[in-house]
C-alpha atoms as a PDB file:
ATOM      1  CA  UNK A   1     -40.086 -34.106 -70.087  1.00  0.00           C
ATOM      2  CA  UNK A   2     -41.305 -31.329 -72.481  1.00  0.00           C
ATOM      3  CA  UNK A   3     -41.135 -31.479 -76.135  1.00  0.00           C
ATOM      4  CA  UNK A   4     -37.669 -30.806 -77.845  1.00  0.00           C
ATOM      5  CA  UNK A   5     -39.490 -28.430 -79.980  1.00  0.00           C
ATOM      6  CA  UNK A   6     -39.814 -26.060 -76.825  1.00  0.00           C
ATOM      7  CA  UNK A   7     -37.221 -23.523 -75.735  1.00  0.00           C
ATOM      8  CA  UNK A   8     -37.326 -22.939 -72.049  1.00  0.00           C
ATOM      9  CA  UNK A   9     -35.698 -19.927 -70.432  1.00  0.00           C
ATOM     10  CA  UNK A  10     -35.450 -19.671 -66.448  1.00  0.00           C
ATOM     11  CA  UNK A  11     -34.580 -16.792 -64.187  1.00  0.00           C
ATOM     12  CA  UNK A  12     -33.933 -17.308 -60.562  1.00  0.00           C
ATOM     13  CA  UNK A  13     -32.277 -15.361 -57.795  1.00  0.00           C
ATOM     14  CA  UNK A  14     -31.088 -18.221 -55.576  1.00  0.00           C
ATOM     15  CA  UNK A  15     -30.373 -16.167 -52.173  1.00  0.00           C
ATOM     16  CA  UNK A  16     -26.601 -16.220 -51.502  1.00  0.00           C
ATOM     17  CA  UNK A  17     -26.165 -19.210 -53.989  1.00  0.00           C
ATOM     18  CA  UNK A  18     -28.039 -21.576 -51.742  1.00  0.00           C
ATOM     19  CA  UNK A  19     -25.749 -21.231 -48.694  1.00  0.00           C
ATOM     20  CA  UNK A  20     -27.827 -19.006 -46.573  1.00  0.00           C
ATOM     21  CA  UNK A  21     -26.872 -15.335 -45.402  1.00  0.00           C
ATOM     22  CA  UNK A  22     -24.434 -16.799 -42.743  1.00  0.00           C
ATOM     23  CA  UNK A  23     -22.971 -19.211 -45.199  1.00  0.00           C
ATOM     24  CA  UNK A  24     -23.726 -22.105 -42.898  1.00  0.00           C
ATOM     25  CA  UNK A  25     -26.607 -23.642 -44.695  1.00  0.00           C
ATOM     26  CA  UNK A  26     -26.413 -25.743 -47.970  1.00  0.00           C
ATOM     27  CA  UNK A  27     -29.653 -25.721 -50.016  1.00  0.00           C
ATOM     28  CA  UNK A  28     -27.828 -26.114 -53.370  1.00  0.00           C
ATOM     29  CA  UNK A  29     -28.799 -29.689 -54.153  1.00  0.00           C
ATOM     30  CA  UNK A  30     -32.564 -28.763 -53.455  1.00  0.00           C
ATOM     31  CA  UNK A  31     -32.046 -25.766 -55.799  1.00  0.00           C
ATOM     32  CA  UNK A  32     -30.445 -27.983 -58.418  1.00  0.00           C
ATOM     33  CA  UNK A  33     -33.284 -30.390 -58.268  1.00  0.00           C
ATOM     34  CA  UNK A  34     -35.952 -27.590 -58.559  1.00  0.00           C
ATOM     35  CA  UNK A  35     -34.506 -26.054 -61.689  1.00  0.00           C
ATOM     36  CA  UNK A  36     -33.371 -29.242 -63.299  1.00  0.00           C
ATOM     37  CA  UNK A  37     -36.973 -30.507 -63.254  1.00  0.00           C
ATOM     38  CA  UNK A  38     -37.823 -27.799 -65.862  1.00  0.00           C
ATOM     39  CA  UNK A  39     -34.988 -28.475 -67.919  1.00  0.00           C
ATOM     40  CA  UNK A  40     -33.941 -24.794 -69.076  1.00  0.00           C
ATOM     41  CA  UNK A  41     -31.978 -24.104 -72.218  1.00  0.00           C
ATOM     42  CA  UNK A  42     -31.090 -20.817 -70.869  1.00  0.00           C
ATOM     43  CA  UNK A  43     -30.756 -20.045 -67.246  1.00  0.00           C
ATOM     44  CA  UNK A  44     -30.413 -16.547 -65.876  1.00  0.00           C
ATOM     45  CA  UNK A  45     -28.843 -16.659 -62.410  1.00  0.00           C
ATOM     46  CA  UNK A  46     -28.476 -13.998 -59.790  1.00  0.00           C
ATOM     47  CA  UNK A  47     -26.618 -14.104 -56.347  1.00  0.00           C
ATOM     48  CA  UNK A  48     -23.867 -16.515 -57.408  1.00  0.00           C
ATOM     49  CA  UNK A  49     -22.291 -15.596 -54.136  1.00  0.00           C
ATOM     50  CA  UNK A  50     -18.804 -16.945 -53.713  1.00  0.00           C
ATOM     51  CA  UNK A  51     -19.033 -18.943 -56.790  1.00  0.00           C
ATOM     52  CA  UNK A  52     -15.998 -17.151 -58.275  1.00  0.00           C
ATOM     53  CA  UNK A  53     -13.867 -18.522 -55.471  1.00  0.00           C
ATOM     54  CA  UNK A  54     -11.707 -21.752 -55.686  1.00  0.00           C
ATOM     55  CA  UNK A  55     -11.359 -21.490 -59.425  1.00  0.00           C
ATOM     56  CA  UNK A  56     -15.192 -20.924 -59.692  1.00  0.00           C
ATOM     57  CA  UNK A  57     -15.704 -24.508 -58.456  1.00  0.00           C
ATOM     58  CA  UNK A  58     -19.394 -23.798 -57.309  1.00  0.00           C
ATOM     59  CA  UNK A  59     -20.142 -22.313 -60.673  1.00  0.00           C
ATOM     60  CA  UNK A  60     -18.868 -25.371 -62.508  1.00  0.00           C
ATOM     61  CA  UNK A  61     -20.531 -27.880 -60.103  1.00  0.00           C
ATOM     62  CA  UNK A  62     -23.753 -26.281 -60.873  1.00  0.00           C
ATOM     63  CA  UNK A  63     -23.307 -26.183 -64.570  1.00  0.00           C
ATOM     64  CA  UNK A  64     -22.237 -29.883 -64.514  1.00  0.00           C
ATOM     65  CA  UNK A  65     -25.235 -30.987 -62.353  1.00  0.00           C
ATOM     66  CA  UNK A  66     -27.645 -29.232 -64.767  1.00  0.00           C
ATOM     67  CA  UNK A  67     -25.899 -30.212 -67.946  1.00  0.00           C
ATOM     68  CA  UNK A  68     -25.457 -26.547 -68.937  1.00  0.00           C
ATOM     69  CA  UNK A  69     -22.333 -24.464 -69.868  1.00  0.00           C
ATOM     70  CA  UNK A  70     -21.933 -21.784 -67.180  1.00  0.00           C
ATOM     71  CA  UNK A  71     -20.824 -18.108 -67.408  1.00  0.00           C
ATOM     72  CA  UNK A  72     -20.515 -15.499 -64.593  1.00  0.00           C
ATOM     73  CA  UNK A  73     -19.309 -12.049 -63.907  1.00  0.00           C
ATOM     74  CA  UNK A  74     -16.225 -11.451 -61.861  1.00  0.00           C
ATOM     75  CA  UNK A  75     -17.180  -9.462 -58.579  1.00  0.00           C
ATOM     76  CA  UNK A  76     -15.529  -6.171 -58.429  1.00  0.00           C
ATOM     77  CA  UNK A  77     -13.381  -5.327 -55.349  1.00  0.00           C
ATOM     78  CA  UNK A  78     -15.281  -3.305 -52.895  1.00  0.00           C
ATOM     79  CA  UNK A  79     -18.567  -3.602 -54.409  1.00  0.00           C
ATOM     80  CA  UNK A  80     -21.276  -6.253 -54.621  1.00  0.00           C
ATOM     81  CA  UNK A  81     -20.185  -9.803 -53.825  1.00  0.00           C
ATOM     82  CA  UNK A  82     -23.231 -11.306 -55.346  1.00  0.00           C
ATOM     83  CA  UNK A  83     -22.558 -11.745 -59.006  1.00  0.00           C
ATOM     84  CA  UNK A  84     -24.843 -12.808 -61.798  1.00  0.00           C
ATOM     85  CA  UNK A  85     -24.404 -15.484 -64.596  1.00  0.00           C
ATOM     86  CA  UNK A  86     -25.822 -17.225 -67.363  1.00  0.00           C
ATOM     87  CA  UNK A  87     -26.029 -20.913 -68.147  1.00  0.00           C
ATOM     88  CA  UNK A  88     -26.869 -22.399 -71.501  1.00  0.00           C
ATOM     89  CA  UNK A  89     -27.613 -25.685 -73.248  1.00  0.00           C
ATOM     90  CA  UNK A  90     -24.484 -26.655 -75.314  1.00  0.00           C
ATOM     91  CA  UNK A  91     -26.476 -28.985 -77.405  1.00  0.00           C
ATOM     92  CA  UNK A  92     -28.769 -26.106 -78.541  1.00  0.00           C
ATOM     93  CA  UNK A  93     -26.587 -23.047 -78.741  1.00  0.00           C
ATOM     94  CA  UNK A  94     -23.040 -22.168 -79.852  1.00  0.00           C
ATOM     95  CA  UNK A  95     -21.381 -19.290 -77.920  1.00  0.00           C
ATOM     96  CA  UNK A  96     -20.104 -16.510 -79.994  1.00  0.00           C
ATOM     97  CA  UNK A  97     -18.850 -14.094 -77.468  1.00  0.00           C
ATOM     98  CA  UNK A  98     -18.920 -13.400 -73.781  1.00  0.00           C
ATOM     99  CA  UNK A  99     -18.953  -9.946 -72.256  1.00  0.00           C
ATOM    100  CA  UNK A 100     -18.806  -8.295 -68.757  1.00  0.00           C
ATOM    101  CA  UNK A 101     -19.821  -4.807 -68.293  1.00  0.00           C
ATOM    102  CA  UNK A 102     -18.594  -2.822 -65.197  1.00  0.00           C
ATOM    103  CA  UNK A 103     -21.478  -0.681 -63.993  1.00  0.00           C
ATOM    104  CA  UNK A 104     -21.415   1.315 -60.792  1.00  0.00           C
ATOM    105  CA  UNK A 105     -22.539  -1.419 -58.350  1.00  0.00           C
ATOM    106  CA  UNK A 106     -22.791  -4.868 -60.038  1.00  0.00           C
ATOM    107  CA  UNK A 107     -21.670  -5.952 -63.569  1.00  0.00           C
ATOM    108  CA  UNK A 108     -24.160  -7.319 -66.057  1.00  0.00           C
ATOM    109  CA  UNK A 109     -23.328 -10.780 -67.754  1.00  0.00           C
ATOM    110  CA  UNK A 110     -23.795 -10.887 -71.457  1.00  0.00           C
ATOM    111  CA  UNK A 111     -23.447 -13.701 -73.943  1.00  0.00           C
ATOM    112  CA  UNK A 112     -23.850 -13.747 -77.687  1.00  0.00           C
ATOM    113  CA  UNK A 113     -25.087 -17.024 -78.859  1.00  0.00           C
ATOM    114  CA  UNK A 114     -26.475 -18.682 -81.951  1.00  0.00           C
ATOM    115  CA  UNK A 115     -29.078 -21.586 -82.200  1.00  0.00           C
ATOM    116  CA  UNK A 116     -27.112 -24.242 -83.980  1.00  0.00           C
ATOM    117  CA  UNK A 117     -28.182 -24.259 -87.594  1.00  0.00           C
ATOM    118  CA  UNK A 118     -29.222 -20.687 -87.437  1.00  0.00           C
ATOM    119  CA  UNK A 119     -27.290 -17.451 -88.815  1.00  0.00           C
ATOM    120  CA  UNK A 120     -28.776 -14.673 -86.577  1.00  0.00           C
ATOM    121  CA  UNK A 121     -27.190 -14.153 -83.093  1.00  0.00           C
ATOM    122  CA  UNK A 122     -29.093 -13.694 -80.023  1.00  0.00           C
ATOM    123  CA  UNK A 123     -28.014 -11.326 -77.072  1.00  0.00           C
ATOM    124  CA  UNK A 124     -28.488 -12.789 -73.690  1.00  0.00           C
ATOM    125  CA  UNK A 125     -28.093 -10.796 -70.527  1.00  0.00           C
ATOM    126  CA  UNK A 126     -28.526 -11.537 -66.826  1.00  0.00           C
ATOM    127  CA  UNK A 127     -28.824  -8.554 -64.434  1.00  0.00           C
ATOM    128  CA  UNK A 128     -29.432  -7.883 -60.661  1.00  0.00           C
ATOM    129  CA  UNK A 129     -30.170  -4.086 -60.452  1.00  0.00           C
ATOM    130  CA  UNK A 130     -28.651  -2.095 -57.614  1.00  0.00           C
ATOM    131  CA  UNK A 131     -30.706  -2.825 -54.309  1.00  0.00           C
ATOM    132  CA  UNK A 132     -30.110   0.536 -52.803  1.00  0.00           C
ATOM    133  CA  UNK A 133     -30.227   3.333 -55.259  1.00  0.00           C
ATOM    134  CA  UNK A 134     -32.907   4.076 -57.735  1.00  0.00           C
ATOM    135  CA  UNK A 135     -30.569   6.376 -59.938  1.00  0.00           C
ATOM    136  CA  UNK A 136     -28.059   3.526 -60.534  1.00  0.00           C
ATOM    137  CA  UNK A 137     -31.028   1.070 -61.254  1.00  0.00           C
ATOM    138  CA  UNK A 138     -32.103   3.624 -63.981  1.00  0.00           C
ATOM    139  CA  UNK A 139     -28.567   3.820 -65.302  1.00  0.00           C
ATOM    140  CA  UNK A 140     -28.517  -0.043 -65.449  1.00  0.00           C
ATOM    141  CA  UNK A 141     -31.649  -0.228 -67.117  1.00  0.00           C
ATOM    142  CA  UNK A 142     -30.703   2.439 -69.809  1.00  0.00           C
ATOM    143  CA  UNK A 143     -27.523   0.311 -70.476  1.00  0.00           C
ATOM    144  CA  UNK A 144     -29.641  -2.784 -71.072  1.00  0.00           C
ATOM    145  CA  UNK A 145     -31.581  -1.046 -73.953  1.00  0.00           C
ATOM    146  CA  UNK A 146     -28.259  -0.676 -75.777  1.00  0.00           C
ATOM    147  CA  UNK A 147     -28.232  -4.363 -76.517  1.00  0.00           C
ATOM    148  CA  UNK A 148     -31.265  -3.886 -78.720  1.00  0.00           C
ATOM    149  CA  UNK A 149     -29.599  -1.246 -80.769  1.00  0.00           C
ATOM    150  CA  UNK A 150     -29.223  -1.999 -84.421  1.00  0.00           C
ATOM    151  CA  UNK A 151     -32.142  -4.413 -84.510  1.00  0.00           C
ATOM    152  CA  UNK A 152     -30.454  -7.084 -82.238  1.00  0.00           C
ATOM    153  CA  UNK A 153     -32.464  -9.987 -80.859  1.00  0.00           C
ATOM    154  CA  UNK A 154     -32.456  -9.907 -77.180  1.00  0.00           C
ATOM    155  CA  UNK A 155     -33.522 -11.667 -74.135  1.00  0.00           C
ATOM    156  CA  UNK A 156     -32.728 -10.530 -70.608  1.00  0.00           C
ATOM    157  CA  UNK A 157     -33.588 -11.834 -67.147  1.00  0.00           C
ATOM    158  CA  UNK A 158     -33.054 -10.451 -63.867  1.00  0.00           C
ATOM    159  CA  UNK A 159     -34.025  -9.202 -60.373  1.00  0.00           C
ATOM    160  CA  UNK A 160     -35.026  -5.713 -61.082  1.00  0.00           C
ATOM    161  CA  UNK A 161     -35.288  -4.558 -57.469  1.00  0.00           C
ATOM    162  CA  UNK A 162     -38.125  -2.261 -58.636  1.00  0.00           C
ATOM    163  CA  UNK A 163     -41.738  -2.462 -59.929  1.00  0.00           C
ATOM    164  CA  UNK A 164     -43.616  -2.884 -63.021  1.00  0.00           C
ATOM    165  CA  UNK A 165     -45.007   0.360 -64.220  1.00  0.00           C
ATOM    166  CA  UNK A 166     -48.602  -0.643 -65.526  1.00  0.00           C
ATOM    167  CA  UNK A 167     -51.824  -1.042 -63.447  1.00  0.00           C
ATOM    168  CA  UNK A 168     -52.222  -4.610 -64.674  1.00  0.00           C
ATOM    169  CA  UNK A 169     -50.572  -6.423 -61.957  1.00  0.00           C
ATOM    170  CA  UNK A 170     -52.105  -8.961 -59.711  1.00  0.00           C
ATOM    171  CA  UNK A 171     -50.782  -7.157 -56.609  1.00  0.00           C
ATOM    172  CA  UNK A 172     -51.049  -3.362 -55.923  1.00  0.00           C
ATOM    173  CA  UNK A 173     -47.815  -1.441 -55.441  1.00  0.00           C
ATOM    174  CA  UNK A 174     -46.873  -1.023 -51.663  1.00  0.00           C
ATOM    175  CA  UNK A 175     -48.577   1.501 -49.364  1.00  0.00           C
ATOM    176  CA  UNK A 176     -45.309   3.230 -48.088  1.00  0.00           C
ATOM    177  CA  UNK A 177     -47.049   4.648 -44.977  1.00  0.00           C
ATOM    178  CA  UNK A 178     -47.730   1.071 -43.898  1.00  0.00           C
ATOM    179  CA  UNK A 179     -44.262  -0.445 -44.525  1.00  0.00           C
ATOM    180  CA  UNK A 180     -42.247  -1.085 -41.294  1.00  0.00           C
ATOM    181  CA  UNK A 181     -38.942  -1.324 -43.069  1.00  0.00           C
ATOM    182  CA  UNK A 182     -37.892   2.225 -43.608  1.00  0.00           C
ATOM    183  CA  UNK A 183     -34.538   1.394 -45.198  1.00  0.00           C
ATOM    184  CA  UNK A 184     -36.566  -0.479 -47.849  1.00  0.00           C
ATOM    185  CA  UNK A 185     -38.598   2.575 -48.253  1.00  0.00           C
ATOM    186  CA  UNK A 186     -35.506   4.692 -48.970  1.00  0.00           C
ATOM    187  CA  UNK A 187     -34.134   1.985 -51.507  1.00  0.00           C
ATOM    188  CA  UNK A 188     -37.338   1.367 -53.468  1.00  0.00           C
ATOM    189  CA  UNK A 189     -39.031   4.818 -53.698  1.00  0.00           C
ATOM    190  CA  UNK A 190     -38.361   7.875 -55.860  1.00  0.00           C
ATOM    191  CA  UNK A 191     -39.676  11.372 -55.808  1.00  0.00           C
ATOM    192  CA  UNK A 192     -42.378  12.341 -58.249  1.00  0.00           C
ATOM    193  CA  UNK A 193     -44.542  15.550 -58.203  1.00  0.00           C
ATOM    194  CA  UNK A 194     -43.263  16.278 -54.703  1.00  0.00           C
ATOM    195  CA  UNK A 195     -44.226  12.805 -53.419  1.00  0.00           C
ATOM    196  CA  UNK A 196     -42.321   9.517 -52.603  1.00  0.00           C
ATOM    197  CA  UNK A 197     -43.539   6.633 -54.925  1.00  0.00           C
ATOM    198  CA  UNK A 198     -42.775   3.133 -55.852  1.00  0.00           C
ATOM    199  CA  UNK A 199     -39.647   3.194 -58.188  1.00  0.00           C
ATOM    200  CA  UNK A 200     -40.983   1.960 -61.676  1.00  0.00           C
ATOM    201  CA  UNK A 201     -38.354   3.710 -63.647  1.00  0.00           C
ATOM    202  CA  UNK A 202     -36.281   0.689 -64.753  1.00  0.00           C
ATOM    203  CA  UNK A 203     -39.562  -0.895 -66.109  1.00  0.00           C
ATOM    204  CA  UNK A 204     -40.597   2.322 -67.820  1.00  0.00           C
ATOM    205  CA  UNK A 205     -37.155   2.474 -69.464  1.00  0.00           C
ATOM    206  CA  UNK A 206     -36.915  -1.259 -70.495  1.00  0.00           C
ATOM    207  CA  UNK A 207     -40.562  -1.712 -71.694  1.00  0.00           C
ATOM    208  CA  UNK A 208     -42.507   1.552 -71.486  1.00  0.00           C
ATOM    209  CA  UNK A 209     -41.300   2.705 -74.903  1.00  0.00           C
ATOM    210  CA  UNK A 210     -41.265  -0.591 -76.498  1.00  0.00           C
ATOM    211  CA  UNK A 211     -37.655  -1.415 -76.559  1.00  0.00           C
ATOM    212  CA  UNK A 212     -38.450  -4.770 -74.796  1.00  0.00           C
ATOM    213  CA  UNK A 213     -41.621  -6.623 -74.146  1.00  0.00           C
ATOM    214  CA  UNK A 214     -42.349  -7.808 -70.525  1.00  0.00           C
ATOM    215  CA  UNK A 215     -42.936 -11.380 -71.193  1.00  0.00           C
ATOM    216  CA  UNK A 216     -44.883 -11.864 -68.068  1.00  0.00           C
ATOM    217  CA  UNK A 217     -47.281  -8.986 -68.802  1.00  0.00           C
ATOM    218  CA  UNK A 218     -47.598 -10.232 -72.272  1.00  0.00           C
ATOM    219  CA  UNK A 219     -48.560 -13.764 -70.965  1.00  0.00           C
ATOM    220  CA  UNK A 220     -50.906 -12.322 -68.475  1.00  0.00           C
ATOM    221  CA  UNK A 221     -52.772 -10.081 -70.631  1.00  0.00           C
ATOM    222  CA  UNK A 222     -52.445 -11.204 -74.389  1.00  0.00           C
ATOM    223  CA  UNK A 223     -52.099 -14.984 -73.727  1.00  0.00           C
ATOM    224  CA  UNK A 224     -54.542 -14.586 -70.624  1.00  0.00           C
ATOM    225  CA  UNK A 225     -52.247 -16.710 -68.390  1.00  0.00           C
ATOM    226  CA  UNK A 226     -53.133 -15.237 -64.923  1.00  0.00           C
ATOM    227  CA  UNK A 227     -50.342 -17.149 -63.320  1.00  0.00           C
ATOM    228  CA  UNK A 228     -47.858 -15.078 -65.208  1.00  0.00           C
ATOM    229  CA  UNK A 229     -48.362 -12.114 -63.078  1.00  0.00           C
ATOM    230  CA  UNK A 230     -47.788 -13.739 -59.760  1.00  0.00           C
ATOM    231  CA  UNK A 231     -45.533 -11.899 -57.289  1.00  0.00           C
ATOM    232  CA  UNK A 232     -41.845 -13.252 -57.111  1.00  0.00           C
ATOM    233  CA  UNK A 233     -40.267 -11.529 -53.927  1.00  0.00           C
ATOM    234  CA  UNK A 234     -40.055 -11.374 -51.136  1.00  0.00           C
ATOM    235  CA  UNK A 235     -41.513 -14.847 -50.604  1.00  0.00           C
ATOM    236  CA  UNK A 236     -40.357 -14.871 -46.848  1.00  0.00           C
ATOM    237  CA  UNK A 237     -40.240 -11.393 -45.405  1.00  0.00           C
ATOM    238  CA  UNK A 238     -43.285  -9.521 -44.064  1.00  0.00           C
ATOM    239  CA  UNK A 239     -41.863  -6.240 -43.147  1.00  0.00           C
ATOM    240  CA  UNK A 240     -41.533  -4.947 -46.689  1.00  0.00           C
ATOM    241  CA  UNK A 241     -45.152  -5.105 -47.722  1.00  0.00           C
ATOM    242  CA  UNK A 242     -46.830  -7.630 -49.981  1.00  0.00           C
ATOM    243  CA  UNK A 243     -44.685  -9.612 -52.420  1.00  0.00           C
ATOM    244  CA  UNK A 244     -44.194  -7.977 -55.801  1.00  0.00           C
ATOM    245  CA  UNK A 245     -43.313  -9.077 -59.354  1.00  0.00           C
ATOM    246  CA  UNK A 246     -39.591  -7.763 -59.236  1.00  0.00           C
ATOM    247  CA  UNK A 247     -38.146 -10.891 -61.091  1.00  0.00           C
ATOM    248  CA  UNK A 248     -38.930 -10.699 -64.754  1.00  0.00           C
ATOM    249  CA  UNK A 249     -37.884 -11.844 -68.159  1.00  0.00           C
ATOM    250  CA  UNK A 250     -37.926  -9.291 -70.987  1.00  0.00           C
ATOM    251  CA  UNK A 251     -37.152  -9.571 -74.769  1.00  0.00           C
ATOM    252  CA  UNK A 252     -37.190  -7.623 -77.878  1.00  0.00           C
ATOM    253  CA  UNK A 253     -40.732  -7.583 -79.297  1.00  0.00           C
ATOM    254  CA  UNK A 254     -39.786 -10.248 -82.009  1.00  0.00           C
ATOM    255  CA  UNK A 255     -39.792 -12.769 -79.224  1.00  0.00           C
ATOM    256  CA  UNK A 256     -43.493 -12.296 -78.114  1.00  0.00           C
ATOM    257  CA  UNK A 257     -45.148 -14.065 -81.039  1.00  0.00           C
ATOM    258  CA  UNK A 258     -43.067 -17.290 -80.078  1.00  0.00           C
ATOM    259  CA  UNK A 259     -43.938 -17.295 -76.384  1.00  0.00           C
ATOM    260  CA  UNK A 260     -46.209 -19.961 -75.393  1.00  0.00           C
ATOM    261  CA  UNK A 261     -46.053 -19.864 -71.677  1.00  0.00           C
ATOM    262  CA  UNK A 262     -44.780 -17.965 -68.623  1.00  0.00           C
ATOM    263  CA  UNK A 263     -45.039 -19.023 -64.936  1.00  0.00           C
ATOM    264  CA  UNK A 264     -43.722 -17.923 -61.527  1.00  0.00           C
ATOM    265  CA  UNK A 265     -42.829 -21.060 -59.497  1.00  0.00           C
ATOM    266  CA  UNK A 266     -43.045 -20.200 -55.707  1.00  0.00           C
ATOM    267  CA  UNK A 267     -43.558 -23.687 -53.990  1.00  0.00           C
ATOM    268  CA  UNK A 268     -42.673 -24.662 -50.566  1.00  0.00           C
ATOM    269  CA  UNK A 269     -39.380 -26.079 -51.779  1.00  0.00           C
ATOM    270  CA  UNK A 270     -38.562 -22.822 -53.571  1.00  0.00           C
ATOM    271  CA  UNK A 271     -39.230 -20.994 -50.376  1.00  0.00           C
ATOM    272  CA  UNK A 272     -36.891 -23.199 -48.585  1.00  0.00           C
ATOM    273  CA  UNK A 273     -33.989 -22.359 -50.955  1.00  0.00           C
ATOM    274  CA  UNK A 274     -34.508 -18.459 -51.483  1.00  0.00           C
ATOM    275  CA  UNK A 275     -36.988 -15.618 -51.093  1.00  0.00           C
ATOM    276  CA  UNK A 276     -37.423 -15.297 -54.653  1.00  0.00           C
ATOM    277  CA  UNK A 277     -39.853 -17.049 -57.015  1.00  0.00           C
ATOM    278  CA  UNK A 278     -38.295 -19.015 -60.096  1.00  0.00           C
ATOM    279  CA  UNK A 279     -39.520 -17.475 -63.397  1.00  0.00           C
ATOM    280  CA  UNK A 280     -39.828 -19.703 -66.504  1.00  0.00           C
ATOM    281  CA  UNK A 281     -40.777 -18.594 -70.002  1.00  0.00           C
ATOM    282  CA  UNK A 282     -41.540 -21.126 -72.679  1.00  0.00           C
ATOM    283  CA  UNK A 283     -41.270 -20.613 -76.584  1.00  0.00           C
ATOM    284  CA  UNK A 284     -42.118 -22.480 -79.602  1.00  0.00           C
ATOM    285  CA  UNK A 285     -38.483 -23.462 -80.745  1.00  0.00           C
ATOM    286  CA  UNK A 286     -39.588 -23.797 -84.419  1.00  0.00           C
ATOM    287  CA  UNK A 287     -40.800 -20.213 -84.309  1.00  0.00           C
ATOM    288  CA  UNK A 288     -37.675 -18.983 -82.600  1.00  0.00           C
ATOM    289  CA  UNK A 289     -35.350 -20.747 -85.292  1.00  0.00           C
ATOM    290  CA  UNK A 290     -37.474 -19.131 -88.045  1.00  0.00           C
ATOM    291  CA  UNK A 291     -36.875 -15.730 -86.788  1.00  0.00           C
ATOM    292  CA  UNK A 292     -33.050 -16.311 -86.391  1.00  0.00           C
ATOM    293  CA  UNK A 293     -32.370 -17.227 -89.958  1.00  0.00           C
ATOM    294  CA  UNK A 294     -32.199 -21.043 -90.163  1.00  0.00           C
ATOM    295  CA  UNK A 295     -29.456 -22.361 -92.640  1.00  0.00           C
ATOM    296  CA  UNK A 296     -31.226 -24.126 -95.458  1.00  0.00           C
END
């Protein structure tokens, strides 16, 4: 087990909440075992499919299994049935407030927390940007930037369903002329200068102007951790081009100096559960506490 002086933040899209697209599988226990091995203090979850049902029984079962306090968004009628959530370590954090924001396709889950013994709050947000509409994704990304307004300390994790905007990635952007899935082409490209190109707008909005730091890119370049830039999805499909780093953890720039590690976990067990790699960021907890005004 890692040192208690480490803060671990995980982000994972567990496909259809570990139950398979038909609902006939149950990979949840394997998923719990995988994530529990890393002992996250903050866990951004995507695709909590059906976890709202039956009094949120699945949500609380997962939280109990992991020793975390779980929160999730209510799925709006007639829209996405794959809500997002956040789970936090109640030993480390106090909850200040919980919010849900009703955006065009899928709500974003937001918590305001404090590290016990610290004064300055932290804004947490879990997002799963719209899979089919680049314009909605851009709106969702712009909304996320509002969390940083006023100098707030923010960390967000999500499935961005779009691509990093720099040329520093370990995998080149898709060559869309060679992608068999033409629906995917419509969902993941935008028009620029009269051409259809990969949609990088959410990343440009979130990190291009410096509102947030892409922690994977920071670890891969500044900390020289090459594994930080590994692709995350799709781990299973072959008709949508090579896997890309679409699942990412970003934070306001104050978090970067406390970052000690960032990795993408895409083991055979992970692939058995879902088509997305698990993303894990590690921070020096003492440094994080210092930047959040410890009570003396």
